Amino acid sequence: MNLTLSAVDDFCEVLADRIIDLSPTRPESGADLAVYGVPRGGLVPAALVVGALERHGQSAYVAEHIEDADFIVDDIIDSGQTAARVAEQTSAPFLACVSRRPDSRAVFVADEWVVFPWEETKIGSSEDIVTRFLQYIGEDATRGGLQETPARVVKAWGEWFRGYSENPADVLKTFEDGADKVNEMVLVDNIPVYSHCEHHAAPFFGVAHVAYIPDGRIVGLSKLVRLVDSFARRLQVQERLTNQIADTLVEHLNPLGVGVVLRCRHLCMESRGVSKAGTRTHTSAMRGALFDSPSARAEFFSLVRDR
């Protein structure tokens, strides 16, 4: 939901009315009212509220420091943790333009993502999304240790999810030279896997073992590592990841057989939910001779057992 500045101004008019209703009960009634905007989303609403108060004949100003505030104004209540943190610093009433759930402190309840006029796009800039997330979990995104975090997170996302901009087939450079009389299994084991599960965006990590039986062509060994990494650097489930590696080898190398085994630890299971640390998930995908031939299958599993 994209809010216009006019809509926000209307919300701030309502907030000003509420402040006027509350202010006679305060000891400083009749004096200038200090309105503090929670950085950074509350800064514009605080200024609009002050303007509305003055139009109603109530002298007011935007406070620079929270300890000087008579009222606290924010743009949105997400989890409520920002309001709770503010309550630890001051007893001044906390008000907001919008809330993501019913809340008497807010003017409007929205059941979808809200974008304010001073934000860049419909879903915000990439760094703004991180800032909103920090605010959602209850952090102060303006404190020193977090000031560069949005940029760092966006850069890290670019590395973790670069697979979306890669075509895995492009890494599979194959050779006929060197493939003469090569009809036995080629295996690269213990390939590091770093991915994120698509259900919780939590990391999962482990190793992949990838084998194939050539049929006139071989592939550069480092390309098997790159193939695994290209598919892993996306939101994934381990089962799909395993099959994508196997199917891409079959399609672009046309070997006699392919075998892929992944053994991974999933933080979505270790650090939340059942919280069972150290558990590993094993998945496999067999194609061609490694599926049809019991001896080839047994050879492959004997090579990768407990590695």
C-alpha atoms as a PDB file:
ATOM      1  CA  MET A   1       0.000   0.000   0.000  1.00  0.00           C
ATOM      2  CA  ASN A   2       1.494   3.334  -1.112  1.00  0.00           C
ATOM      3  CA  LEU A   3       0.434   6.212   1.147  1.00  0.00           C
ATOM      4  CA  THR A   4       0.242   9.737  -0.230  1.00  0.00           C
ATOM      5  CA  LEU A   5       1.557  12.698   1.720  1.00  0.00           C
ATOM      6  CA  SER A   6      -2.033  13.950   1.912  1.00  0.00           C
ATOM      7  CA  ALA A   7      -3.107  10.707   3.625  1.00  0.00           C
ATOM      8  CA  VAL A   8      -0.248  10.968   6.119  1.00  0.00           C
ATOM      9  CA  ASP A   9      -1.173  14.599   6.773  1.00  0.00           C
ATOM     10  CA  ASP A  10      -4.750  13.488   7.535  1.00  0.00           C
ATOM     11  CA  PHE A  11      -3.424  10.890   9.985  1.00  0.00           C
ATOM     12  CA  CYS A  12      -1.320  13.564  11.664  1.00  0.00           C
ATOM     13  CA  GLU A  13      -4.369  15.822  12.012  1.00  0.00           C
ATOM     14  CA  VAL A  14      -6.047  13.020  13.964  1.00  0.00           C
ATOM     15  CA  LEU A  15      -2.907  12.579  16.086  1.00  0.00           C
ATOM     16  CA  ALA A  16      -2.904  16.301  16.821  1.00  0.00           C
ATOM     17  CA  ASP A  17      -6.527  16.089  17.996  1.00  0.00           C
ATOM     18  CA  ARG A  18      -5.591  13.208  20.295  1.00  0.00           C
ATOM     19  CA  ILE A  19      -2.643  15.159  21.697  1.00  0.00           C
ATOM     20  CA  ILE A  20      -4.878  18.160  22.404  1.00  0.00           C
ATOM     21  CA  ASP A  21      -7.337  15.856  24.186  1.00  0.00           C
ATOM     22  CA  LEU A  22      -4.515  14.426  26.283  1.00  0.00           C
ATOM     23  CA  SER A  23      -2.502  17.564  26.952  1.00  0.00           C
ATOM     24  CA  PRO A  24      -4.841  19.215  29.554  1.00  0.00           C
ATOM     25  CA  THR A  25      -4.182  16.273  31.872  1.00  0.00           C
ATOM     26  CA  ARG A  26      -0.453  16.890  31.766  1.00  0.00           C
ATOM     27  CA  PRO A  27       1.392  19.130  34.240  1.00  0.00           C
ATOM     28  CA  GLU A  28       2.840  21.286  31.478  1.00  0.00           C
ATOM     29  CA  SER A  29      -0.617  22.144  30.071  1.00  0.00           C
ATOM     30  CA  GLY A  30      -0.590  25.527  28.363  1.00  0.00           C
ATOM     31  CA  ALA A  31       3.126  25.429  27.612  1.00  0.00           C
ATOM     32  CA  ASP A  32       4.683  24.593  24.290  1.00  0.00           C
ATOM     33  CA  LEU A  33       4.236  20.902  23.534  1.00  0.00           C
ATOM     34  CA  ALA A  34       7.364  18.984  22.571  1.00  0.00           C
ATOM     35  CA  VAL A  35       6.758  16.292  19.948  1.00  0.00           C
ATOM     36  CA  TYR A  36       9.559  13.796  19.330  1.00  0.00           C
ATOM     37  CA  GLY A  37       9.704  11.790  16.097  1.00  0.00           C
ATOM     38  CA  VAL A  38      11.213   8.320  16.377  1.00  0.00           C
ATOM     39  CA  PRO A  39      14.149   8.151  13.937  1.00  0.00           C
ATOM     40  CA  ARG A  40      13.851   7.825  11.128  1.00  0.00           C
ATOM     41  CA  GLY A  41      10.276   7.054  10.167  1.00  0.00           C
ATOM     42  CA  GLY A  42       8.728   9.335  12.768  1.00  0.00           C
ATOM     43  CA  LEU A  43      10.575  12.506  11.814  1.00  0.00           C
ATOM     44  CA  VAL A  44       8.190  13.639   9.064  1.00  0.00           C
ATOM     45  CA  PRO A  45       5.009  12.745  11.011  1.00  0.00           C
ATOM     46  CA  ALA A  46       6.342  14.650  14.030  1.00  0.00           C
ATOM     47  CA  ALA A  47       6.761  17.794  11.920  1.00  0.00           C
ATOM     48  CA  LEU A  48       3.288  17.365  10.420  1.00  0.00           C
ATOM     49  CA  VAL A  49       1.760  16.885  13.870  1.00  0.00           C
ATOM     50  CA  VAL A  50       3.431  20.073  15.104  1.00  0.00           C
ATOM     51  CA  GLY A  51       2.003  21.938  12.115  1.00  0.00           C
ATOM     52  CA  ALA A  52      -1.480  20.575  12.842  1.00  0.00           C
ATOM     53  CA  LEU A  53      -1.224  21.528  16.521  1.00  0.00           C
ATOM     54  CA  GLU A  54      -0.290  25.076  15.642  1.00  0.00           C
ATOM     55  CA  ARG A  55      -3.232  25.319  13.249  1.00  0.00           C
ATOM     56  CA  HIS A  56      -5.399  24.378  16.236  1.00  0.00           C
ATOM     57  CA  GLY A  57      -3.831  27.184  18.276  1.00  0.00           C
ATOM     58  CA  GLN A  58      -1.566  24.944  20.346  1.00  0.00           C
ATOM     59  CA  SER A  59       2.052  26.042  20.396  1.00  0.00           C
ATOM     60  CA  ALA A  60       4.366  23.091  19.729  1.00  0.00           C
ATOM     61  CA  TYR A  61       7.814  22.190  18.457  1.00  0.00           C
ATOM     62  CA  VAL A  62       9.770  19.129  17.329  1.00  0.00           C
ATOM     63  CA  ALA A  63      11.954  17.934  20.193  1.00  0.00           C
ATOM     64  CA  GLU A  64      15.532  16.929  19.431  1.00  0.00           C
ATOM     65  CA  HIS A  65      15.873  14.620  22.408  1.00  0.00           C
ATOM     66  CA  ILE A  66      13.442  11.972  23.595  1.00  0.00           C
ATOM     67  CA  GLU A  67      13.843  12.977  27.244  1.00  0.00           C
ATOM     68  CA  ASP A  68      12.378  16.417  26.424  1.00  0.00           C
ATOM     69  CA  ALA A  69       9.280  15.028  24.707  1.00  0.00           C
ATOM     70  CA  ASP A  70       5.694  15.406  25.827  1.00  0.00           C
ATOM     71  CA  PHE A  71       4.545  13.061  23.056  1.00  0.00           C
ATOM     72  CA  ILE A  72       6.286  10.477  20.894  1.00  0.00           C
ATOM     73  CA  VAL A  73       5.264  10.056  17.240  1.00  0.00           C
ATOM     74  CA  ASP A  74       6.242   7.281  14.813  1.00  0.00           C
ATOM     75  CA  ASP A  75       5.160   6.384  11.300  1.00  0.00           C
ATOM     76  CA  ILE A  76       4.192   2.753  11.920  1.00  0.00           C
ATOM     77  CA  ILE A  77       3.858   0.159  14.655  1.00  0.00           C
ATOM     78  CA  ASP A  78       5.109  -3.158  13.244  1.00  0.00           C
ATOM     79  CA  SER A  79       5.900  -5.580  16.047  1.00  0.00           C
ATOM     80  CA  GLY A  80       5.419  -3.062  18.859  1.00  0.00           C
ATOM     81  CA  GLN A  81       9.001  -3.487  20.004  1.00  0.00           C
ATOM     82  CA  THR A  82       9.955   0.082  19.084  1.00  0.00           C
ATOM     83  CA  ALA A  83       7.137   1.399  21.269  1.00  0.00           C
ATOM     84  CA  ALA A  84       8.241  -0.908  24.080  1.00  0.00           C
ATOM     85  CA  ARG A  85      11.819   0.343  23.813  1.00  0.00           C
ATOM     86  CA  VAL A  86      10.609   3.952  23.843  1.00  0.00           C
ATOM     87  CA  ALA A  87       8.536   3.216  26.962  1.00  0.00           C
ATOM     88  CA  GLU A  88      11.746   2.247  28.752  1.00  0.00           C
ATOM     89  CA  GLN A  89      13.142   5.721  28.049  1.00  0.00           C
ATOM     90  CA  THR A  90      10.126   7.946  28.704  1.00  0.00           C
ATOM     91  CA  SER A  91       6.591   7.932  30.056  1.00  0.00           C
ATOM     92  CA  ALA A  92       5.405  10.272  27.297  1.00  0.00           C
ATOM     93  CA  PRO A  93       2.460   8.852  25.288  1.00  0.00           C
ATOM     94  CA  PHE A  94       3.424   6.987  22.115  1.00  0.00           C
ATOM     95  CA  LEU A  95       1.321   7.582  18.968  1.00  0.00           C
ATOM     96  CA  ALA A  96       1.637   6.401  15.380  1.00  0.00           C
ATOM     97  CA  CYS A  97       0.036   7.002  12.009  1.00  0.00           C
ATOM     98  CA  VAL A  98      -0.344   3.340  11.073  1.00  0.00           C
ATOM     99  CA  SER A  99      -0.251  -0.059  12.757  1.00  0.00           C
ATOM    100  CA  ARG A 100       0.075  -3.499  11.196  1.00  0.00           C
ATOM    101  CA  ARG A 101      -2.425  -4.832  13.761  1.00  0.00           C
ATOM    102  CA  PRO A 102      -5.223  -3.235  15.823  1.00  0.00           C
ATOM    103  CA  ASP A 103      -3.638  -0.743  18.222  1.00  0.00           C
ATOM    104  CA  SER A 104      -5.349   2.188  19.949  1.00  0.00           C
ATOM    105  CA  ARG A 105      -2.173   4.251  19.629  1.00  0.00           C
ATOM    106  CA  ALA A 106      -2.422   4.314  15.815  1.00  0.00           C
ATOM    107  CA  VAL A 107      -4.866   6.074  13.508  1.00  0.00           C
ATOM    108  CA  PHE A 108      -5.025   3.479  10.731  1.00  0.00           C
ATOM    109  CA  VAL A 109      -4.673  -0.320  10.643  1.00  0.00           C
ATOM    110  CA  ALA A 110      -3.034  -1.815   7.515  1.00  0.00           C
ATOM    111  CA  ASP A 111      -2.904  -5.538   6.786  1.00  0.00           C
ATOM    112  CA  GLU A 112      -0.251  -5.218   4.067  1.00  0.00           C
ATOM    113  CA  TRP A 113       3.164  -3.662   3.493  1.00  0.00           C
ATOM    114  CA  VAL A 114       2.944   0.109   3.845  1.00  0.00           C
ATOM    115  CA  VAL A 115       5.164   2.536   1.947  1.00  0.00           C
ATOM    116  CA  PHE A 116       5.325   6.147   3.070  1.00  0.00           C
ATOM    117  CA  PRO A 117       5.894   8.997   0.595  1.00  0.00           C
ATOM    118  CA  TRP A 118       9.484   9.566   1.716  1.00  0.00           C
ATOM    119  CA  GLU A 119      10.435   5.975   0.906  1.00  0.00           C
ATOM    120  CA  GLU A 120      11.906   5.279  -2.509  1.00  0.00           C
ATOM    121  CA  THR A 121       9.753   2.625  -4.192  1.00  0.00           C
ATOM    122  CA  LYS A 122       6.754   0.425  -3.671  1.00  0.00           C
ATOM    123  CA  ILE A 123       8.775  -2.012  -1.605  1.00  0.00           C
ATOM    124  CA  GLY A 124      11.447   0.474  -0.581  1.00  0.00           C
ATOM    125  CA  SER A 125      15.074   0.477  -1.636  1.00  0.00           C
ATOM    126  CA  SER A 126      17.090  -2.621  -0.825  1.00  0.00           C
ATOM    127  CA  GLU A 127      18.788  -0.866   2.094  1.00  0.00           C
ATOM    128  CA  ASP A 128      15.466   0.539   3.292  1.00  0.00           C
ATOM    129  CA  ILE A 129      14.053  -2.983   3.471  1.00  0.00           C
ATOM    130  CA  VAL A 130      16.908  -3.947   5.803  1.00  0.00           C
ATOM    131  CA  THR A 131      16.307  -0.840   7.900  1.00  0.00           C
ATOM    132  CA  ARG A 132      12.623  -1.683   8.223  1.00  0.00           C
ATOM    133  CA  PHE A 133      13.556  -5.231   9.219  1.00  0.00           C
ATOM    134  CA  LEU A 134      15.880  -3.929  11.944  1.00  0.00           C
ATOM    135  CA  GLN A 135      13.052  -1.756  13.229  1.00  0.00           C
ATOM    136  CA  TYR A 136      10.649  -4.716  13.090  1.00  0.00           C
ATOM    137  CA  ILE A 137      12.821  -6.877  15.349  1.00  0.00           C
ATOM    138  CA  GLY A 138      13.070  -4.023  17.847  1.00  0.00           C
ATOM    139  CA  GLU A 139      16.466  -2.549  16.987  1.00  0.00           C
ATOM    140  CA  ASP A 140      17.411   1.096  16.698  1.00  0.00           C
ATOM    141  CA  ALA A 141      18.652   1.208  13.111  1.00  0.00           C
ATOM    142  CA  THR A 142      20.336   4.571  13.790  1.00  0.00           C
ATOM    143  CA  ARG A 143      22.727   3.435  16.519  1.00  0.00           C
ATOM    144  CA  GLY A 144      26.416   3.415  15.669  1.00  0.00           C
ATOM    145  CA  GLY A 145      26.905  -0.309  15.256  1.00  0.00           C
ATOM    146  CA  LEU A 146      24.027  -0.596  12.777  1.00  0.00           C
ATOM    147  CA  GLN A 147      24.519   2.493  10.635  1.00  0.00           C
ATOM    148  CA  GLU A 148      26.376   0.587   7.904  1.00  0.00           C
ATOM    149  CA  THR A 149      24.490  -2.684   8.405  1.00  0.00           C
ATOM    150  CA  PRO A 150      21.877  -2.170   5.637  1.00  0.00           C
ATOM    151  CA  ALA A 151      24.613  -1.692   3.023  1.00  0.00           C
ATOM    152  CA  ARG A 152      26.564  -4.681   4.351  1.00  0.00           C
ATOM    153  CA  VAL A 153      23.479  -6.908   4.339  1.00  0.00           C
ATOM    154  CA  VAL A 154      22.599  -5.948   0.760  1.00  0.00           C
ATOM    155  CA  LYS A 155      26.175  -6.753  -0.311  1.00  0.00           C
ATOM    156  CA  ALA A 156      26.018 -10.107   1.499  1.00  0.00           C
ATOM    157  CA  TRP A 157      22.668 -10.921  -0.143  1.00  0.00           C
ATOM    158  CA  GLY A 158      24.308 -10.273  -3.488  1.00  0.00           C
ATOM    159  CA  GLU A 159      26.889 -12.961  -2.700  1.00  0.00           C
ATOM    160  CA  TRP A 160      24.542 -15.474  -1.065  1.00  0.00           C
ATOM    161  CA  PHE A 161      21.963 -15.280  -3.842  1.00  0.00           C
ATOM    162  CA  ARG A 162      24.095 -14.644  -6.898  1.00  0.00           C
ATOM    163  CA  GLY A 163      22.806 -17.908  -8.371  1.00  0.00           C
ATOM    164  CA  TYR A 164      19.747 -16.068  -9.640  1.00  0.00           C
ATOM    165  CA  SER A 165      21.949 -14.152 -12.076  1.00  0.00           C
ATOM    166  CA  GLU A 166      23.853 -17.236 -13.247  1.00  0.00           C
ATOM    167  CA  ASN A 167      22.986 -19.908 -15.796  1.00  0.00           C
ATOM    168  CA  PRO A 168      24.346 -23.162 -14.334  1.00  0.00           C
ATOM    169  CA  ALA A 169      24.667 -24.667 -17.800  1.00  0.00           C
ATOM    170  CA  ASP A 170      27.201 -21.979 -18.732  1.00  0.00           C
ATOM    171  CA  VAL A 171      29.772 -23.370 -16.305  1.00  0.00           C
ATOM    172  CA  LEU A 172      29.765 -26.875 -17.796  1.00  0.00           C
ATOM    173  CA  LYS A 173      32.578 -26.593 -20.312  1.00  0.00           C
ATOM    174  CA  THR A 174      33.128 -30.095 -21.694  1.00  0.00           C
ATOM    175  CA  PHE A 175      36.059 -31.719 -23.481  1.00  0.00           C
ATOM    176  CA  GLU A 176      36.398 -34.633 -25.874  1.00  0.00           C
ATOM    177  CA  ASP A 177      40.182 -34.426 -25.685  1.00  0.00           C
ATOM    178  CA  GLY A 178      41.146 -36.402 -22.609  1.00  0.00           C
ATOM    179  CA  ALA A 179      38.012 -38.507 -22.596  1.00  0.00           C
ATOM    180  CA  ASP A 180      39.530 -41.375 -24.599  1.00  0.00           C
ATOM    181  CA  LYS A 181      38.974 -44.701 -22.843  1.00  0.00           C
ATOM    182  CA  VAL A 182      37.521 -42.901 -19.804  1.00  0.00           C
ATOM    183  CA  ASN A 183      34.546 -45.067 -18.963  1.00  0.00           C
ATOM    184  CA  GLU A 184      34.872 -45.317 -15.194  1.00  0.00           C
ATOM    185  CA  MET A 185      33.347 -43.115 -12.545  1.00  0.00           C
ATOM    186  CA  VAL A 186      34.657 -39.573 -12.029  1.00  0.00           C
ATOM    187  CA  LEU A 187      33.907 -38.286  -8.526  1.00  0.00           C
ATOM    188  CA  VAL A 188      34.441 -34.915  -6.828  1.00  0.00           C
ATOM    189  CA  ASP A 189      33.540 -35.193  -3.163  1.00  0.00           C
ATOM    190  CA  ASN A 190      33.222 -32.866  -0.199  1.00  0.00           C
ATOM    191  CA  ILE A 191      32.163 -29.882  -2.308  1.00  0.00           C
ATOM    192  CA  PRO A 192      31.122 -27.147   0.172  1.00  0.00           C
ATOM    193  CA  VAL A 193      27.436 -26.240   0.069  1.00  0.00           C
ATOM    194  CA  TYR A 194      26.145 -22.931   1.459  1.00  0.00           C
ATOM    195  CA  SER A 195      22.498 -22.182   0.815  1.00  0.00           C
ATOM    196  CA  HIS A 196      19.335 -20.796   2.429  1.00  0.00           C
ATOM    197  CA  CYS A 197      16.100 -22.684   2.907  1.00  0.00           C
ATOM    198  CA  GLU A 198      13.148 -21.128   1.153  1.00  0.00           C
ATOM    199  CA  HIS A 199      10.777 -21.754   4.062  1.00  0.00           C
ATOM    200  CA  HIS A 200      12.547 -19.587   6.659  1.00  0.00           C
ATOM    201  CA  ALA A 201      15.438 -17.992   4.688  1.00  0.00           C
ATOM    202  CA  ALA A 202      17.692 -19.691   7.254  1.00  0.00           C
ATOM    203  CA  PRO A 203      21.104 -21.019   6.205  1.00  0.00           C
ATOM    204  CA  PHE A 204      21.774 -24.655   5.522  1.00  0.00           C
ATOM    205  CA  PHE A 205      25.245 -25.946   4.797  1.00  0.00           C
ATOM    206  CA  GLY A 206      27.209 -29.114   4.274  1.00  0.00           C
ATOM    207  CA  VAL A 207      28.881 -31.009   1.450  1.00  0.00           C
ATOM    208  CA  ALA A 208      27.989 -32.411  -1.952  1.00  0.00           C
ATOM    209  CA  HIS A 209      29.441 -35.484  -3.633  1.00  0.00           C
ATOM    210  CA  VAL A 210      29.031 -35.440  -7.410  1.00  0.00           C
ATOM    211  CA  ALA A 211      29.963 -38.293  -9.750  1.00  0.00           C
ATOM    212  CA  TYR A 212      29.412 -39.158 -13.397  1.00  0.00           C
ATOM    213  CA  ILE A 213      30.418 -41.876 -15.838  1.00  0.00           C
ATOM    214  CA  PRO A 214      31.646 -40.240 -19.085  1.00  0.00           C
ATOM    215  CA  ASP A 215      30.416 -41.152 -22.538  1.00  0.00           C
ATOM    216  CA  GLY A 216      32.948 -39.541 -24.872  1.00  0.00           C
ATOM    217  CA  ARG A 217      33.106 -36.199 -23.042  1.00  0.00           C
ATOM    218  CA  ILE A 218      34.456 -35.034 -19.708  1.00  0.00           C
ATOM    219  CA  VAL A 219      33.926 -31.790 -17.816  1.00  0.00           C
ATOM    220  CA  GLY A 220      36.477 -29.638 -16.022  1.00  0.00           C
ATOM    221  CA  LEU A 221      36.537 -30.762 -12.398  1.00  0.00           C
ATOM    222  CA  SER A 222      36.207 -27.221 -11.048  1.00  0.00           C
ATOM    223  CA  LYS A 223      33.040 -26.862 -13.098  1.00  0.00           C
ATOM    224  CA  LEU A 224      31.315 -29.448 -10.914  1.00  0.00           C
ATOM    225  CA  VAL A 225      32.080 -27.253  -7.910  1.00  0.00           C
ATOM    226  CA  ARG A 226      30.729 -24.185  -9.709  1.00  0.00           C
ATOM    227  CA  LEU A 227      27.611 -26.068 -10.760  1.00  0.00           C
ATOM    228  CA  VAL A 228      26.812 -26.966  -7.158  1.00  0.00           C
ATOM    229  CA  ASP A 229      27.477 -23.410  -6.018  1.00  0.00           C
ATOM    230  CA  SER A 230      25.344 -21.842  -8.751  1.00  0.00           C
ATOM    231  CA  PHE A 231      22.252 -23.771  -7.671  1.00  0.00           C
ATOM    232  CA  ALA A 232      23.029 -23.470  -3.952  1.00  0.00           C
ATOM    233  CA  ARG A 233      23.220 -19.661  -4.081  1.00  0.00           C
ATOM    234  CA  ARG A 234      19.441 -19.353  -4.193  1.00  0.00           C
ATOM    235  CA  LEU A 235      16.539 -19.982  -1.859  1.00  0.00           C
ATOM    236  CA  GLN A 236      16.373 -23.749  -1.904  1.00  0.00           C
ATOM    237  CA  VAL A 237      15.146 -26.992  -0.473  1.00  0.00           C
ATOM    238  CA  GLN A 238      17.825 -29.657  -0.303  1.00  0.00           C
ATOM    239  CA  GLU A 239      15.792 -32.178  -2.265  1.00  0.00           C
ATOM    240  CA  ARG A 240      15.383 -29.837  -5.245  1.00  0.00           C
ATOM    241  CA  LEU A 241      19.006 -28.736  -5.102  1.00  0.00           C
ATOM    242  CA  THR A 242      20.179 -32.346  -5.309  1.00  0.00           C
ATOM    243  CA  ASN A 243      18.035 -33.089  -8.346  1.00  0.00           C
ATOM    244  CA  GLN A 244      18.908 -29.846 -10.137  1.00  0.00           C
ATOM    245  CA  ILE A 245      22.604 -30.717 -10.007  1.00  0.00           C
ATOM    246  CA  ALA A 246      21.990 -34.224 -11.349  1.00  0.00           C
ATOM    247  CA  ASP A 247      19.566 -33.181 -14.095  1.00  0.00           C
ATOM    248  CA  THR A 248      21.815 -30.382 -15.373  1.00  0.00           C
ATOM    249  CA  LEU A 249      24.726 -32.808 -15.706  1.00  0.00           C
ATOM    250  CA  VAL A 250      22.541 -35.263 -17.614  1.00  0.00           C
ATOM    251  CA  GLU A 251      21.208 -32.575 -19.950  1.00  0.00           C
ATOM    252  CA  HIS A 252      24.479 -30.861 -20.843  1.00  0.00           C
ATOM    253  CA  LEU A 253      27.091 -33.617 -20.498  1.00  0.00           C
ATOM    254  CA  ASN A 254      25.006 -36.613 -21.597  1.00  0.00           C
ATOM    255  CA  PRO A 255      27.027 -39.076 -19.495  1.00  0.00           C
ATOM    256  CA  LEU A 256      26.305 -42.752 -18.983  1.00  0.00           C
ATOM    257  CA  GLY A 257      25.309 -42.077 -15.411  1.00  0.00           C
ATOM    258  CA  VAL A 258      25.189 -39.415 -12.684  1.00  0.00           C
ATOM    259  CA  GLY A 259      25.149 -39.645  -8.903  1.00  0.00           C
ATOM    260  CA  VAL A 260      24.706 -36.778  -6.433  1.00  0.00           C
ATOM    261  CA  VAL A 261      24.602 -36.945  -2.642  1.00  0.00           C
ATOM    262  CA  LEU A 262      24.161 -33.974  -0.314  1.00  0.00           C
ATOM    263  CA  ARG A 263      24.633 -34.038   3.453  1.00  0.00           C
ATOM    264  CA  CYS A 264      23.602 -30.782   5.112  1.00  0.00           C
ATOM    265  CA  ARG A 265      22.786 -29.189   8.439  1.00  0.00           C
ATOM    266  CA  HIS A 266      19.760 -26.872   8.500  1.00  0.00           C
ATOM    267  CA  LEU A 267      19.674 -23.964  10.948  1.00  0.00           C
ATOM    268  CA  CYS A 268      15.900 -23.707  10.537  1.00  0.00           C
ATOM    269  CA  MET A 269      15.789 -27.032  12.387  1.00  0.00           C
ATOM    270  CA  GLU A 270      18.821 -26.589  14.653  1.00  0.00           C
ATOM    271  CA  SER A 271      18.311 -23.045  15.950  1.00  0.00           C
ATOM    272  CA  ARG A 272      14.490 -22.865  16.028  1.00  0.00           C
ATOM    273  CA  GLY A 273      11.518 -25.209  15.963  1.00  0.00           C
ATOM    274  CA  VAL A 274      12.667 -28.592  17.269  1.00  0.00           C
ATOM    275  CA  SER A 275      16.125 -27.056  18.008  1.00  0.00           C
ATOM    276  CA  LYS A 276      18.077 -30.266  17.505  1.00  0.00           C
ATOM    277  CA  ALA A 277      21.688 -29.301  16.875  1.00  0.00           C
ATOM    278  CA  GLY A 278      23.978 -31.491  14.824  1.00  0.00           C
ATOM    279  CA  THR A 279      21.323 -33.296  12.781  1.00  0.00           C
ATOM    280  CA  ARG A 280      22.144 -33.904   9.120  1.00  0.00           C
ATOM    281  CA  THR A 281      19.834 -34.374   6.162  1.00  0.00           C
ATOM    282  CA  HIS A 282      20.953 -36.797   3.441  1.00  0.00           C
ATOM    283  CA  THR A 283      19.561 -36.595  -0.098  1.00  0.00           C
ATOM    284  CA  SER A 284      20.574 -38.393  -3.280  1.00  0.00           C
ATOM    285  CA  ALA A 285      19.790 -38.364  -6.994  1.00  0.00           C
ATOM    286  CA  MET A 286      20.816 -41.212  -9.302  1.00  0.00           C
ATOM    287  CA  ARG A 287      20.556 -41.097 -13.076  1.00  0.00           C
ATOM    288  CA  GLY A 288      21.369 -43.562 -15.875  1.00  0.00           C
ATOM    289  CA  ALA A 289      23.850 -46.305 -15.023  1.00  0.00           C
ATOM    290  CA  LEU A 290      24.155 -45.130 -11.427  1.00  0.00           C
ATOM    291  CA  PHE A 291      20.444 -45.791 -11.035  1.00  0.00           C
ATOM    292  CA  ASP A 292      20.137 -48.911 -13.192  1.00  0.00           C
ATOM    293  CA  SER A 293      23.360 -50.753 -12.338  1.00  0.00           C
ATOM    294  CA  PRO A 294      23.550 -52.171  -8.794  1.00  0.00           C
ATOM    295  CA  SER A 295      27.339 -52.466  -9.029  1.00  0.00           C
ATOM    296  CA  ALA A 296      27.835 -48.849 -10.176  1.00  0.00           C
ATOM    297  CA  ARG A 297      25.439 -47.636  -7.527  1.00  0.00           C
ATOM    298  CA  ALA A 298      27.251 -49.668  -4.839  1.00  0.00           C
ATOM    299  CA  GLU A 299      30.624 -48.309  -5.986  1.00  0.00           C
ATOM    300  CA  PHE A 300      29.408 -44.742  -5.752  1.00  0.00           C
ATOM    301  CA  PHE A 301      27.963 -45.123  -2.266  1.00  0.00           C
ATOM    302  CA  SER A 302      31.055 -46.953  -1.047  1.00  0.00           C
ATOM    303  CA  LEU A 303      33.186 -43.995  -2.174  1.00  0.00           C
ATOM    304  CA  VAL A 304      31.049 -41.317  -0.490  1.00  0.00           C
ATOM    305  CA  ARG A 305      30.038 -43.218   2.642  1.00  0.00           C
ATOM    306  CA  ASP A 306      30.656 -41.152   5.785  1.00  0.00           C
ATOM    307  CA  ARG A 307      32.712 -38.544   3.962  1.00  0.00           C
END
